[in-house]
Amino acid sequence: DERSYRSPSAAGTCAVDGSPDVLPAAAAPGAPEGLRAVRGF
């Protein structure tokens, strides 16, 4: 049961211009260059 006990979502904190950031792993320093480029795309 992955709903009944879960903490609030991080979407509000991680939002960009009111929309959820769809690719947080792409911002990680160790992320592959191709993955980081997708954020700009």
Full PDB file with SEQRES, HELIX, SHEET, SSBOND, CRYST1, ORIGX, SCALE, CONECT and MASTER records, all heavy atoms in Angstrom:
SEQRES   1 A   41  ASP GLU ARG SER TYR ARG SER PRO SER ALA ALA GLY THR          
SEQRES   2 A   41  CYS ALA VAL ASP GLY SER PRO ASP VAL LEU PRO ALA ALA          
SEQRES   3 A   41  ALA ALA PRO GLY ALA PRO GLU GLY LEU ARG ALA VAL ARG          
SEQRES   4 A   41  GLY PHE                                                      
HELIX    1 AA1 PRO A   24  ALA A   27  5                                   4    
HELIX    2 AA2 GLU A   33  GLY A   40  1                                   8    
SHEET    1 AA1 2 ALA A  15  VAL A  16  0                                        
SHEET    2 AA1 2 SER A  19  PRO A  20 -1                                        
CRYST1    1.000    1.000    1.000  90.00  90.00  90.00 P 1           1          
ORIGX1      1.000000  0.000000  0.000000        0.00000                         
ORIGX2      0.000000  1.000000  0.000000        0.00000                         
ORIGX3      0.000000  0.000000  1.000000        0.00000                         
SCALE1      1.000000  0.000000  0.000000        0.00000                         
SCALE2      0.000000  1.000000  0.000000        0.00000                         
SCALE3      0.000000  0.000000  1.000000        0.00000                         
ATOM      1  N   ASP A   1       0.874  -1.171   0.000  1.00  0.00           N  
ATOM      2  CA  ASP A   1       0.000   0.000   0.000  1.00  0.00           C  
ATOM      3  C   ASP A   1       0.913   1.223   0.000  1.00  0.00           C  
ATOM      4  O   ASP A   1       1.510   1.559   1.013  1.00  0.00           O  
ATOM      5  CB  ASP A   1      -0.896  -0.012   1.234  1.00  0.00           C  
ATOM      6  CG  ASP A   1      -1.800   1.218   1.330  1.00  0.00           C  
ATOM      7  OD1 ASP A   1      -1.673   2.120   0.478  1.00  0.00           O  
ATOM      8  OD2 ASP A   1      -2.623   1.280   2.268  1.00  0.00           O  
ATOM      9  N   GLU A   2       1.032   1.867  -1.141  1.00  0.00           N  
ATOM     10  CA  GLU A   2       1.969   2.980  -1.293  1.00  0.00           C  
ATOM     11  C   GLU A   2       1.259   4.340  -1.290  1.00  0.00           C  
ATOM     12  O   GLU A   2       1.829   5.338  -1.745  1.00  0.00           O  
ATOM     13  CB  GLU A   2       2.787   2.785  -2.568  1.00  0.00           C  
ATOM     14  CG  GLU A   2       3.650   1.521  -2.470  1.00  0.00           C  
ATOM     15  CD  GLU A   2       4.379   1.170  -3.750  1.00  0.00           C  
ATOM     16  OE1 GLU A   2       4.234   1.912  -4.737  1.00  0.00           O  
ATOM     17  OE2 GLU A   2       5.074   0.137  -3.769  1.00  0.00           O  
ATOM     18  N   ARG A   3       0.046   4.371  -0.740  1.00  0.00           N  
ATOM     19  CA  ARG A   3      -0.710   5.627  -0.674  1.00  0.00           C  
ATOM     20  C   ARG A   3      -1.052   6.026   0.757  1.00  0.00           C  
ATOM     21  O   ARG A   3      -0.950   7.195   1.123  1.00  0.00           O  
ATOM     22  CB  ARG A   3      -2.009   5.508  -1.481  1.00  0.00           C  
ATOM     23  CG  ARG A   3      -1.793   5.521  -2.966  1.00  0.00           C  
ATOM     24  CD  ARG A   3      -1.312   6.872  -3.444  1.00  0.00           C  
ATOM     25  NE  ARG A   3      -0.759   6.783  -4.795  1.00  0.00           N  
ATOM     26  CZ  ARG A   3      -0.156   7.764  -5.416  1.00  0.00           C  
ATOM     27  NH1 ARG A   3      -0.013   8.939  -4.835  1.00  0.00           N  
ATOM     28  NH2 ARG A   3       0.333   7.612  -6.634  1.00  0.00           N  
ATOM     29  N   SER A   4      -1.498   5.094   1.570  1.00  0.00           N  
ATOM     30  CA  SER A   4      -2.111   5.428   2.855  1.00  0.00           C  
ATOM     31  C   SER A   4      -1.165   6.130   3.816  1.00  0.00           C  
ATOM     32  O   SER A   4      -1.597   6.918   4.655  1.00  0.00           O  
ATOM     33  CB  SER A   4      -2.665   4.167   3.510  1.00  0.00           C  
ATOM     34  OG  SER A   4      -3.722   3.636   2.751  1.00  0.00           O  
ATOM     35  N   TYR A   5       0.132   5.848   3.710  1.00  0.00           N  
ATOM     36  CA  TYR A   5       1.076   6.327   4.712  1.00  0.00           C  
ATOM     37  C   TYR A   5       2.102   7.310   4.165  1.00  0.00           C  
ATOM     38  O   TYR A   5       2.973   7.767   4.901  1.00  0.00           O  
ATOM     39  CB  TYR A   5       1.804   5.126   5.335  1.00  0.00           C  
ATOM     40  CG  TYR A   5       0.867   3.995   5.664  1.00  0.00           C  
ATOM     41  CD1 TYR A   5       0.812   2.847   4.875  1.00  0.00           C  
ATOM     42  CD2 TYR A   5      -0.002   4.075   6.751  1.00  0.00           C  
ATOM     43  CE1 TYR A   5      -0.074   1.815   5.161  1.00  0.00           C  
ATOM     44  CE2 TYR A   5      -0.882   3.047   7.051  1.00  0.00           C  
ATOM     45  CZ  TYR A   5      -0.921   1.923   6.245  1.00  0.00           C  
ATOM     46  OH  TYR A   5      -1.807   0.905   6.525  1.00  0.00           O  
ATOM     47  N   ARG A   6       2.014   7.660   2.897  1.00  0.00           N  
ATOM     48  CA  ARG A   6       3.093   8.432   2.291  1.00  0.00           C  
ATOM     49  C   ARG A   6       3.087   9.890   2.715  1.00  0.00           C  
ATOM     50  O   ARG A   6       2.040  10.496   2.962  1.00  0.00           O  
ATOM     51  CB  ARG A   6       3.097   8.307   0.768  1.00  0.00           C  
ATOM     52  CG  ARG A   6       1.975   8.968   0.046  1.00  0.00           C  
ATOM     53  CD  ARG A   6       2.342   9.231  -1.423  1.00  0.00           C  
ATOM     54  NE  ARG A   6       2.501   8.032  -2.229  1.00  0.00           N  
ATOM     55  CZ  ARG A   6       2.981   8.050  -3.478  1.00  0.00           C  
ATOM     56  NH1 ARG A   6       3.343   9.197  -4.043  1.00  0.00           N  
ATOM     57  NH2 ARG A   6       3.099   6.936  -4.171  1.00  0.00           N  
ATOM     58  N   SER A   7       4.296  10.443   2.753  1.00  0.00           N  
ATOM     59  CA  SER A   7       4.502  11.857   3.065  1.00  0.00           C  
ATOM     60  C   SER A   7       4.076  12.732   1.888  1.00  0.00           C  
ATOM     61  O   SER A   7       3.923  12.253   0.761  1.00  0.00           O  
ATOM     62  CB  SER A   7       5.982  12.112   3.368  1.00  0.00           C  
ATOM     63  OG  SER A   7       6.421  11.323   4.446  1.00  0.00           O  
ATOM     64  N   PRO A   8       3.924  14.045   2.132  1.00  0.00           N  
ATOM     65  CA  PRO A   8       3.548  14.941   1.034  1.00  0.00           C  
ATOM     66  C   PRO A   8       4.542  14.885  -0.122  1.00  0.00           C  
ATOM     67  O   PRO A   8       5.732  14.636   0.056  1.00  0.00           O  
ATOM     68  CB  PRO A   8       3.545  16.319   1.699  1.00  0.00           C  
ATOM     69  CG  PRO A   8       3.303  16.052   3.148  1.00  0.00           C  
ATOM     70  CD  PRO A   8       3.981  14.738   3.429  1.00  0.00           C  
ATOM     71  N   SER A   9       4.044  15.135  -1.305  1.00  0.00           N  
ATOM     72  CA  SER A   9       4.860  15.125  -2.508  1.00  0.00           C  
ATOM     73  C   SER A   9       5.878  16.259  -2.486  1.00  0.00           C  
ATOM     74  O   SER A   9       5.655  17.323  -1.891  1.00  0.00           O  
ATOM     75  CB  SER A   9       3.965  15.257  -3.742  1.00  0.00           C  
ATOM     76  OG  SER A   9       4.719  15.463  -4.906  1.00  0.00           O  
ATOM     77  N   ALA A  10       6.988  16.052  -3.200  1.00  0.00           N  
ATOM     78  CA  ALA A  10       7.996  17.100  -3.368  1.00  0.00           C  
ATOM     79  C   ALA A  10       7.689  18.000  -4.556  1.00  0.00           C  
ATOM     80  O   ALA A  10       8.437  18.945  -4.825  1.00  0.00           O  
ATOM     81  CB  ALA A  10       9.373  16.460  -3.554  1.00  0.00           C  
ATOM     82  N   ALA A  11       6.590  17.738  -5.259  1.00  0.00           N  
ATOM     83  CA  ALA A  11       6.325  18.481  -6.487  1.00  0.00           C  
ATOM     84  C   ALA A  11       6.213  19.983  -6.237  1.00  0.00           C  
ATOM     85  O   ALA A  11       6.687  20.791  -7.035  1.00  0.00           O  
ATOM     86  CB  ALA A  11       5.044  17.965  -7.148  1.00  0.00           C  
ATOM     87  N   GLY A  12       5.608  20.380  -5.116  1.00  0.00           N  
ATOM     88  CA  GLY A  12       5.470  21.806  -4.845  1.00  0.00           C  
ATOM     89  C   GLY A  12       6.804  22.497  -4.687  1.00  0.00           C  
ATOM     90  O   GLY A  12       7.038  23.574  -5.251  1.00  0.00           O  
ATOM     91  N   THR A  13       7.715  21.890  -3.936  1.00  0.00           N  
ATOM     92  CA  THR A  13       9.047  22.465  -3.728  1.00  0.00           C  
ATOM     93  C   THR A  13       9.872  22.427  -4.995  1.00  0.00           C  
ATOM     94  O   THR A  13      10.676  23.333  -5.267  1.00  0.00           O  
ATOM     95  CB  THR A  13       9.769  21.711  -2.603  1.00  0.00           C  
ATOM     96  OG1 THR A  13       9.006  21.822  -1.403  1.00  0.00           O  
ATOM     97  CG2 THR A  13      11.173  22.261  -2.375  1.00  0.00           C  
ATOM     98  N   CYS A  14       9.702  21.393  -5.788  1.00  0.00           N  
ATOM     99  CA  CYS A  14      10.549  21.192  -6.966  1.00  0.00           C  
ATOM    100  C   CYS A  14       9.929  21.755  -8.244  1.00  0.00           C  
ATOM    101  O   CYS A  14      10.434  21.510  -9.340  1.00  0.00           O  
ATOM    102  CB  CYS A  14      10.826  19.702  -7.147  1.00  0.00           C  
ATOM    103  SG  CYS A  14      11.785  18.963  -5.800  1.00  0.00           S  
ATOM    104  N   ALA A  15       8.838  22.494  -8.115  1.00  0.00           N  
ATOM    105  CA  ALA A  15       8.155  23.023  -9.292  1.00  0.00           C  
ATOM    106  C   ALA A  15       8.982  24.100  -9.973  1.00  0.00           C  
ATOM    107  O   ALA A  15       9.767  24.805  -9.344  1.00  0.00           O  
ATOM    108  CB  ALA A  15       6.791  23.597  -8.897  1.00  0.00           C  
ATOM    109  N   VAL A  16       8.796  24.207 -11.276  1.00  0.00           N  
ATOM    110  CA  VAL A  16       9.415  25.266 -12.073  1.00  0.00           C  
ATOM    111  C   VAL A  16       8.290  26.027 -12.759  1.00  0.00           C  
ATOM    112  O   VAL A  16       7.528  25.455 -13.541  1.00  0.00           O  
ATOM    113  CB  VAL A  16      10.375  24.687 -13.126  1.00  0.00           C  
ATOM    114  CG1 VAL A  16      10.933  25.798 -14.008  1.00  0.00           C  
ATOM    115  CG2 VAL A  16      11.503  23.917 -12.446  1.00  0.00           C  
ATOM    116  N   ASP A  17       8.159  27.314 -12.439  1.00  0.00           N  
ATOM    117  CA  ASP A  17       7.094  28.152 -13.002  1.00  0.00           C  
ATOM    118  C   ASP A  17       5.728  27.519 -12.804  1.00  0.00           C  
ATOM    119  O   ASP A  17       4.884  27.514 -13.705  1.00  0.00           O  
ATOM    120  CB  ASP A  17       7.343  28.403 -14.496  1.00  0.00           C  
ATOM    121  CG  ASP A  17       8.613  29.198 -14.731  1.00  0.00           C  
ATOM    122  OD1 ASP A  17       8.958  30.022 -13.854  1.00  0.00           O  
ATOM    123  OD2 ASP A  17       9.258  28.997 -15.774  1.00  0.00           O  
ATOM    124  N   GLY A  18       5.541  26.951 -11.615  1.00  0.00           N  
ATOM    125  CA  GLY A  18       4.245  26.384 -11.279  1.00  0.00           C  
ATOM    126  C   GLY A  18       4.001  24.996 -11.821  1.00  0.00           C  
ATOM    127  O   GLY A  18       2.961  24.403 -11.552  1.00  0.00           O  
ATOM    128  N   SER A  19       4.938  24.429 -12.571  1.00  0.00           N  
ATOM    129  CA  SER A  19       4.776  23.083 -13.113  1.00  0.00           C  
ATOM    130  C   SER A  19       5.841  22.174 -12.522  1.00  0.00           C  
ATOM    131  O   SER A  19       6.972  22.598 -12.286  1.00  0.00           O  
ATOM    132  CB  SER A  19       4.909  23.093 -14.640  1.00  0.00           C  
ATOM    133  OG  SER A  19       3.917  23.914 -15.210  1.00  0.00           O  
ATOM    134  N   PRO A  20       5.494  20.898 -12.278  1.00  0.00           N  
ATOM    135  CA  PRO A  20       6.503  19.999 -11.724  1.00  0.00           C  
ATOM    136  C   PRO A  20       7.702  19.857 -12.651  1.00  0.00           C  
ATOM    137  O   PRO A  20       7.557  19.806 -13.862  1.00  0.00           O  
ATOM    138  CB  PRO A  20       5.751  18.671 -11.600  1.00  0.00           C  
ATOM    139  CG  PRO A  20       4.318  19.051 -11.561  1.00  0.00           C  
ATOM    140  CD  PRO A  20       4.187  20.269 -12.411  1.00  0.00           C  
ATOM    141  N   ASP A  21       8.872  19.820 -12.063  1.00  0.00           N  
ATOM    142  CA  ASP A  21      10.102  19.558 -12.806  1.00  0.00           C  
ATOM    143  C   ASP A  21      10.066  18.097 -13.240  1.00  0.00           C  
ATOM    144  O   ASP A  21       9.995  17.205 -12.411  1.00  0.00           O  
ATOM    145  CB  ASP A  21      11.297  19.820 -11.887  1.00  0.00           C  
ATOM    146  CG  ASP A  21      12.630  19.511 -12.549  1.00  0.00           C  
ATOM    147  OD1 ASP A  21      12.642  18.960 -13.663  1.00  0.00           O  
ATOM    148  OD2 ASP A  21      13.658  19.807 -11.935  1.00  0.00           O  
ATOM    149  N   VAL A  22      10.103  17.846 -14.527  1.00  0.00           N  
ATOM    150  CA  VAL A  22       9.901  16.478 -14.993  1.00  0.00           C  
ATOM    151  C   VAL A  22      11.179  15.641 -15.004  1.00  0.00           C  
ATOM    152  O   VAL A  22      11.115  14.439 -15.207  1.00  0.00           O  
ATOM    153  CB  VAL A  22       9.287  16.452 -16.406  1.00  0.00           C  
ATOM    154  CG1 VAL A  22       7.895  17.044 -16.388  1.00  0.00           C  
ATOM    155  CG2 VAL A  22      10.172  17.162 -17.418  1.00  0.00           C  
ATOM    156  N   LEU A  23      12.334  16.262 -14.805  1.00  0.00           N  
ATOM    157  CA  LEU A  23      13.576  15.507 -14.919  1.00  0.00           C  
ATOM    158  C   LEU A  23      14.578  15.897 -13.833  1.00  0.00           C  
ATOM    159  O   LEU A  23      15.624  16.470 -14.114  1.00  0.00           O  
ATOM    160  CB  LEU A  23      14.214  15.716 -16.298  1.00  0.00           C  
ATOM    161  CG  LEU A  23      13.425  15.187 -17.498  1.00  0.00           C  
ATOM    162  CD1 LEU A  23      13.949  15.769 -18.789  1.00  0.00           C  
ATOM    163  CD2 LEU A  23      13.484  13.672 -17.534  1.00  0.00           C  
ATOM    164  N   PRO A  24      14.324  15.599 -12.563  1.00  0.00           N  
ATOM    165  CA  PRO A  24      15.263  16.021 -11.523  1.00  0.00           C  
ATOM    166  C   PRO A  24      16.597  15.314 -11.608  1.00  0.00           C  
ATOM    167  O   PRO A  24      17.634  15.916 -11.340  1.00  0.00           O  
ATOM    168  CB  PRO A  24      14.533  15.666 -10.232  1.00  0.00           C  
ATOM    169  CG  PRO A  24      13.644  14.544 -10.603  1.00  0.00           C  
ATOM    170  CD  PRO A  24      13.198  14.849 -11.999  1.00  0.00           C  
ATOM    171  N   ALA A  25      16.607  14.036 -11.992  1.00  0.00           N  
ATOM    172  CA  ALA A  25      17.880  13.319 -12.054  1.00  0.00           C  
ATOM    173  C   ALA A  25      18.810  13.929 -13.088  1.00  0.00           C  
ATOM    174  O   ALA A  25      20.032  13.814 -12.982  1.00  0.00           O  
ATOM    175  CB  ALA A  25      17.631  11.844 -12.365  1.00  0.00           C  
ATOM    176  N   ALA A  26      18.238  14.586 -14.075  1.00  0.00           N  
ATOM    177  CA  ALA A  26      19.069  15.203 -15.101  1.00  0.00           C  
ATOM    178  C   ALA A  26      19.859  16.389 -14.583  1.00  0.00           C  
ATOM    179  O   ALA A  26      20.800  16.843 -15.223  1.00  0.00           O  
ATOM    180  CB  ALA A  26      18.195  15.648 -16.276  1.00  0.00           C  
ATOM    181  N   ALA A  27      19.478  16.905 -13.426  1.00  0.00           N  
ATOM    182  CA  ALA A  27      20.211  18.037 -12.855  1.00  0.00           C  
ATOM    183  C   ALA A  27      21.369  17.593 -11.976  1.00  0.00           C  
ATOM    184  O   ALA A  27      22.185  18.414 -11.579  1.00  0.00           O  
ATOM    185  CB  ALA A  27      19.253  18.900 -12.028  1.00  0.00           C  
ATOM    186  N   ALA A  28      21.431  16.310 -11.670  1.00  0.00           N  
ATOM    187  CA  ALA A  28      22.488  15.826 -10.784  1.00  0.00           C  
ATOM    188  C   ALA A  28      23.857  15.999 -11.440  1.00  0.00           C  
ATOM    189  O   ALA A  28      24.004  15.783 -12.644  1.00  0.00           O  
ATOM    190  CB  ALA A  28      22.263  14.361 -10.443  1.00  0.00           C  
ATOM    191  N   PRO A  29      24.874  16.393 -10.654  1.00  0.00           N  
ATOM    192  CA  PRO A  29      26.202  16.606 -11.244  1.00  0.00           C  
ATOM    193  C   PRO A  29      26.744  15.373 -11.954  1.00  0.00           C  
ATOM    194  O   PRO A  29      27.461  15.499 -12.945  1.00  0.00           O  
ATOM    195  CB  PRO A  29      27.062  16.971 -10.022  1.00  0.00           C  
ATOM    196  CG  PRO A  29      26.084  17.538  -9.042  1.00  0.00           C  
ATOM    197  CD  PRO A  29      24.817  16.767  -9.239  1.00  0.00           C  
ATOM    198  N   GLY A  30      26.382  14.187 -11.459  1.00  0.00           N  
ATOM    199  CA  GLY A  30      26.905  12.970 -12.065  1.00  0.00           C  
ATOM    200  C   GLY A  30      26.074  12.435 -13.197  1.00  0.00           C  
ATOM    201  O   GLY A  30      26.374  11.368 -13.747  1.00  0.00           O  
ATOM    202  N   ALA A  31      25.027  13.124 -13.579  1.00  0.00           N  
ATOM    203  CA  ALA A  31      24.154  12.637 -14.647  1.00  0.00           C  
ATOM    204  C   ALA A  31      24.877  12.671 -15.989  1.00  0.00           C  
ATOM    205  O   ALA A  31      25.686  13.570 -16.246  1.00  0.00           O  
ATOM    206  CB  ALA A  31      22.891  13.478 -14.715  1.00  0.00           C  
ATOM    207  N   PRO A  32      24.596  11.714 -16.844  1.00  0.00           N  
ATOM    208  CA  PRO A  32      25.217  11.736 -18.181  1.00  0.00           C  
ATOM    209  C   PRO A  32      24.885  13.021 -18.927  1.00  0.00           C  
ATOM    210  O   PRO A  32      23.811  13.607 -18.744  1.00  0.00           O  
ATOM    211  CB  PRO A  32      24.576  10.521 -18.876  1.00  0.00           C  
ATOM    212  CG  PRO A  32      24.118   9.640 -17.758  1.00  0.00           C  
ATOM    213  CD  PRO A  32      23.732  10.555 -16.636  1.00  0.00           C  
ATOM    214  N   GLU A  33      25.815  13.442 -19.778  1.00  0.00           N  
ATOM    215  CA  GLU A  33      25.636  14.707 -20.495  1.00  0.00           C  
ATOM    216  C   GLU A  33      24.364  14.698 -21.320  1.00  0.00           C  
ATOM    217  O   GLU A  33      23.631  15.698 -21.376  1.00  0.00           O  
ATOM    218  CB  GLU A  33      26.848  14.961 -21.397  1.00  0.00           C  
ATOM    219  CG  GLU A  33      26.778  16.284 -22.151  1.00  0.00           C  
ATOM    220  CD  GLU A  33      28.029  16.533 -22.984  1.00  0.00           C  
ATOM    221  OE1 GLU A  33      29.012  15.793 -22.790  1.00  0.00           O  
ATOM    222  OE2 GLU A  33      28.000  17.464 -23.812  1.00  0.00           O  
ATOM    223  N   GLY A  34      24.050  13.568 -21.947  1.00  0.00           N  
ATOM    224  CA  GLY A  34      22.841  13.481 -22.757  1.00  0.00           C  
ATOM    225  C   GLY A  34      21.593  13.667 -21.928  1.00  0.00           C  
ATOM    226  O   GLY A  34      20.605  14.250 -22.383  1.00  0.00           O  
ATOM    227  N   LEU A  35      21.634  13.198 -20.699  1.00  0.00           N  
ATOM    228  CA  LEU A  35      20.481  13.347 -19.816  1.00  0.00           C  
ATOM    229  C   LEU A  35      20.318  14.791 -19.377  1.00  0.00           C  
ATOM    230  O   LEU A  35      19.217  15.340 -19.357  1.00  0.00           O  
ATOM    231  CB  LEU A  35      20.649  12.439 -18.600  1.00  0.00           C  
ATOM    232  CG  LEU A  35      19.465  12.319 -17.646  1.00  0.00           C  
ATOM    233  CD1 LEU A  35      18.243  11.801 -18.373  1.00  0.00           C  
ATOM    234  CD2 LEU A  35      19.825  11.399 -16.485  1.00  0.00           C  
ATOM    235  N   ARG A  36      21.440  15.442 -19.053  1.00  0.00           N  
ATOM    236  CA  ARG A  36      21.376  16.842 -18.626  1.00  0.00           C  
ATOM    237  C   ARG A  36      20.862  17.723 -19.771  1.00  0.00           C  
ATOM    238  O   ARG A  36      20.144  18.698 -19.550  1.00  0.00           O  
ATOM    239  CB  ARG A  36      22.754  17.314 -18.178  1.00  0.00           C  
ATOM    240  CG  ARG A  36      23.226  16.637 -16.890  1.00  0.00           C  
ATOM    241  CD  ARG A  36      24.648  17.048 -16.518  1.00  0.00           C  
ATOM    242  NE  ARG A  36      24.761  18.478 -16.256  1.00  0.00           N  
ATOM    243  CZ  ARG A  36      24.466  19.047 -15.079  1.00  0.00           C  
ATOM    244  NH1 ARG A  36      24.020  18.308 -14.087  1.00  0.00           N  
ATOM    245  NH2 ARG A  36      24.609  20.346 -14.915  1.00  0.00           N  
ATOM    246  N   ALA A  37      21.192  17.360 -20.981  1.00  0.00           N  
ATOM    247  CA  ALA A  37      20.769  18.167 -22.122  1.00  0.00           C  
ATOM    248  C   ALA A  37      19.261  18.135 -22.312  1.00  0.00           C  
ATOM    249  O   ALA A  37      18.674  19.078 -22.865  1.00  0.00           O  
ATOM    250  CB  ALA A  37      21.456  17.680 -23.392  1.00  0.00           C  
ATOM    251  N   VAL A  38      18.632  17.087 -21.858  1.00  0.00           N  
ATOM    252  CA  VAL A  38      17.191  16.976 -22.036  1.00  0.00           C  
ATOM    253  C   VAL A  38      16.448  18.059 -21.271  1.00  0.00           C  
ATOM    254  O   VAL A  38      15.389  18.523 -21.684  1.00  0.00           O  
ATOM    255  CB  VAL A  38      16.706  15.571 -21.605  1.00  0.00           C  
ATOM    256  CG1 VAL A  38      15.185  15.470 -21.669  1.00  0.00           C  
ATOM    257  CG2 VAL A  38      17.326  14.516 -22.502  1.00  0.00           C  
ATOM    258  N   ARG A  39      16.996  18.506 -20.150  1.00  0.00           N  
ATOM    259  CA  ARG A  39      16.334  19.558 -19.380  1.00  0.00           C  
ATOM    260  C   ARG A  39      16.169  20.820 -20.240  1.00  0.00           C  
ATOM    261  O   ARG A  39      15.117  21.450 -20.253  1.00  0.00           O  
ATOM    262  CB  ARG A  39      17.121  19.875 -18.113  1.00  0.00           C  
ATOM    263  CG  ARG A  39      17.018  18.795 -17.055  1.00  0.00           C  
ATOM    264  CD  ARG A  39      17.784  19.187 -15.803  1.00  0.00           C  
ATOM    265  NE  ARG A  39      17.290  20.415 -15.207  1.00  0.00           N  
ATOM    266  CZ  ARG A  39      16.267  20.486 -14.352  1.00  0.00           C  
ATOM    267  NH1 ARG A  39      15.619  19.388 -14.034  1.00  0.00           N  
ATOM    268  NH2 ARG A  39      15.889  21.627 -13.834  1.00  0.00           N  
ATOM    269  N   GLY A  40      17.210  21.148 -20.953  1.00  0.00           N  
ATOM    270  CA  GLY A  40      17.093  22.298 -21.829  1.00  0.00           C  
ATOM    271  C   GLY A  40      16.128  22.049 -22.973  1.00  0.00           C  
ATOM    272  O   GLY A  40      15.399  22.947 -23.397  1.00  0.00           O  
ATOM    273  N   PHE A  41      16.075  20.819 -23.443  1.00  0.00           N  
ATOM    274  CA  PHE A  41      15.189  20.477 -24.559  1.00  0.00           C  
ATOM    275  C   PHE A  41      13.733  20.707 -24.190  1.00  0.00           C  
ATOM    276  O   PHE A  41      12.935  21.169 -25.012  1.00  0.00           O  
ATOM    277  CB  PHE A  41      15.414  19.021 -24.957  1.00  0.00           C  
ATOM    278  CG  PHE A  41      14.487  18.554 -26.047  1.00  0.00           C  
ATOM    279  CD1 PHE A  41      14.734  18.876 -27.371  1.00  0.00           C  
ATOM    280  CD2 PHE A  41      13.369  17.791 -25.753  1.00  0.00           C  
ATOM    281  CE1 PHE A  41      13.886  18.454 -28.379  1.00  0.00           C  
ATOM    282  CE2 PHE A  41      12.518  17.360 -26.757  1.00  0.00           C  
ATOM    283  CZ  PHE A  41      12.781  17.691 -28.076  1.00  0.00           C  
TER     284      PHE A  41                                                      
MASTER        0    0    0    2    2    0    0    6  283    1    0    4          
END                                                                             
